[in-house]
Amino acid sequence: MSKLPRKRYIDKETIDEMIFRTENARNRLILELQARGGLRIGEVLKLTLKCVDGRKLILEKPKRDREYEGAFMQN
């Protein structure tokens, strides 16, 4: 039985550099939300202003069978 290859993760500094170098404000915000909030692209695209409460994000109609789900933006 062969071993599965180890997953390779991008380090925080590289992600920060990618975000910093992104010139388009929309794309930069999408990357920030994905990196800092752990959101999937579909979740980011469904966000509205009413979903944001400070650093807390309320995801309406998440993939799971819940009414809503929350995410928290980290530094």
C-alpha atoms as a PDB file:
ATOM      1  CA  MET A   1       0.000   0.000   0.000  1.00  0.00           C
ATOM      2  CA  SER A   2       1.487   3.346  -1.002  1.00  0.00           C
ATOM      3  CA  LYS A   3       1.472   6.333   1.291  1.00  0.00           C
ATOM      4  CA  LEU A   4      -0.567   9.379   0.375  1.00  0.00           C
ATOM      5  CA  PRO A   5       1.542  12.492  -0.196  1.00  0.00           C
ATOM      6  CA  ARG A   6       1.550  14.992   2.653  1.00  0.00           C
ATOM      7  CA  LYS A   7      -0.590  18.052   2.136  1.00  0.00           C
ATOM      8  CA  ARG A   8       1.466  21.159   1.628  1.00  0.00           C
ATOM      9  CA  TYR A   9       0.218  24.348   3.222  1.00  0.00           C
ATOM     10  CA  ILE A  10       1.145  27.892   2.318  1.00  0.00           C
ATOM     11  CA  ASP A  11       2.721  29.747   5.226  1.00  0.00           C
ATOM     12  CA  LYS A  12       1.088  32.861   6.684  1.00  0.00           C
ATOM     13  CA  GLU A  13       3.771  35.213   5.365  1.00  0.00           C
ATOM     14  CA  THR A  14       3.214  34.058   1.777  1.00  0.00           C
ATOM     15  CA  ILE A  15      -0.551  34.472   2.098  1.00  0.00           C
ATOM     16  CA  ASP A  16      -0.089  37.963   3.562  1.00  0.00           C
ATOM     17  CA  GLU A  17       2.204  38.865   0.651  1.00  0.00           C
ATOM     18  CA  MET A  18      -0.319  37.581  -1.904  1.00  0.00           C
ATOM     19  CA  ILE A  19      -3.073  39.663  -0.318  1.00  0.00           C
ATOM     20  CA  PHE A  20      -0.838  42.746  -0.081  1.00  0.00           C
ATOM     21  CA  ARG A  21       0.133  42.511  -3.758  1.00  0.00           C
ATOM     22  CA  THR A  22      -3.465  42.166  -4.967  1.00  0.00           C
ATOM     23  CA  GLU A  23      -4.365  45.538  -6.465  1.00  0.00           C
ATOM     24  CA  ASN A  24      -8.072  45.005  -7.152  1.00  0.00           C
ATOM     25  CA  ALA A  25     -10.004  45.922  -3.971  1.00  0.00           C
ATOM     26  CA  ARG A  26     -12.727  43.307  -4.572  1.00  0.00           C
ATOM     27  CA  ASN A  27     -10.236  40.488  -5.051  1.00  0.00           C
ATOM     28  CA  ARG A  28      -8.221  41.631  -2.060  1.00  0.00           C
ATOM     29  CA  LEU A  29     -11.330  41.584   0.145  1.00  0.00           C
ATOM     30  CA  ILE A  30     -12.233  38.097  -1.090  1.00  0.00           C
ATOM     31  CA  LEU A  31      -8.734  36.827  -0.255  1.00  0.00           C
ATOM     32  CA  GLU A  32      -8.842  38.487   3.179  1.00  0.00           C
ATOM     33  CA  LEU A  33     -12.199  36.903   4.009  1.00  0.00           C
ATOM     34  CA  GLN A  34     -11.028  33.486   2.880  1.00  0.00           C
ATOM     35  CA  ALA A  35      -7.689  33.670   4.696  1.00  0.00           C
ATOM     36  CA  ARG A  36      -8.801  35.370   7.919  1.00  0.00           C
ATOM     37  CA  GLY A  37     -12.305  33.946   8.244  1.00  0.00           C
ATOM     38  CA  GLY A  38     -11.765  30.507   6.766  1.00  0.00           C
ATOM     39  CA  LEU A  39     -14.632  31.004   4.333  1.00  0.00           C
ATOM     40  CA  ARG A  40     -15.192  29.152   1.070  1.00  0.00           C
ATOM     41  CA  ILE A  41     -15.540  31.237  -2.070  1.00  0.00           C
ATOM     42  CA  GLY A  42     -19.288  30.525  -2.288  1.00  0.00           C
ATOM     43  CA  GLU A  43     -19.752  31.738   1.283  1.00  0.00           C
ATOM     44  CA  VAL A  44     -17.815  34.936   0.575  1.00  0.00           C
ATOM     45  CA  LEU A  45     -19.865  35.687  -2.529  1.00  0.00           C
ATOM     46  CA  LYS A  46     -23.139  35.310  -0.590  1.00  0.00           C
ATOM     47  CA  LEU A  47     -22.153  37.832   2.115  1.00  0.00           C
ATOM     48  CA  THR A  48     -24.058  41.105   2.378  1.00  0.00           C
ATOM     49  CA  LEU A  49     -23.578  44.105   4.666  1.00  0.00           C
ATOM     50  CA  LYS A  50     -26.181  42.787   7.097  1.00  0.00           C
ATOM     51  CA  CYS A  51     -24.027  39.647   7.526  1.00  0.00           C
ATOM     52  CA  VAL A  52     -21.185  41.651   9.089  1.00  0.00           C
ATOM     53  CA  ASP A  53     -21.170  42.538  12.786  1.00  0.00           C
ATOM     54  CA  GLY A  54     -17.727  43.902  13.638  1.00  0.00           C
ATOM     55  CA  ARG A  55     -15.383  40.944  13.237  1.00  0.00           C
ATOM     56  CA  LYS A  56     -18.228  38.419  13.309  1.00  0.00           C
ATOM     57  CA  LEU A  57     -19.712  37.168  10.041  1.00  0.00           C
ATOM     58  CA  ILE A  58     -23.156  35.547   9.931  1.00  0.00           C
ATOM     59  CA  LEU A  59     -23.533  33.062   7.081  1.00  0.00           C
ATOM     60  CA  GLU A  60     -27.156  32.634   6.072  1.00  0.00           C
ATOM     61  CA  LYS A  61     -28.176  29.281   4.603  1.00  0.00           C
ATOM     62  CA  PRO A  62     -24.831  27.497   5.091  1.00  0.00           C
ATOM     63  CA  LYS A  63     -24.113  24.115   3.517  1.00  0.00           C
ATOM     64  CA  ARG A  64     -25.052  22.298   6.690  1.00  0.00           C
ATOM     65  CA  ASP A  65     -28.694  21.893   7.714  1.00  0.00           C
ATOM     66  CA  ARG A  66     -28.569  24.926   9.976  1.00  0.00           C
ATOM     67  CA  GLU A  67     -30.473  28.167   9.674  1.00  0.00           C
ATOM     68  CA  TYR A  68     -27.268  30.180   9.983  1.00  0.00           C
ATOM     69  CA  GLU A  69     -23.587  29.759  10.844  1.00  0.00           C
ATOM     70  CA  GLY A  70     -20.986  32.197  12.109  1.00  0.00           C
ATOM     71  CA  ALA A  71     -17.356  32.906  11.344  1.00  0.00           C
ATOM     72  CA  PHE A  72     -14.918  35.175  13.139  1.00  0.00           C
ATOM     73  CA  MET A  73     -12.235  37.246  11.412  1.00  0.00           C
ATOM     74  CA  GLN A  74      -8.753  36.645  12.834  1.00  0.00           C
ATOM     75  CA  ASN A  75      -5.611  38.763  12.535  1.00  0.00           C
END
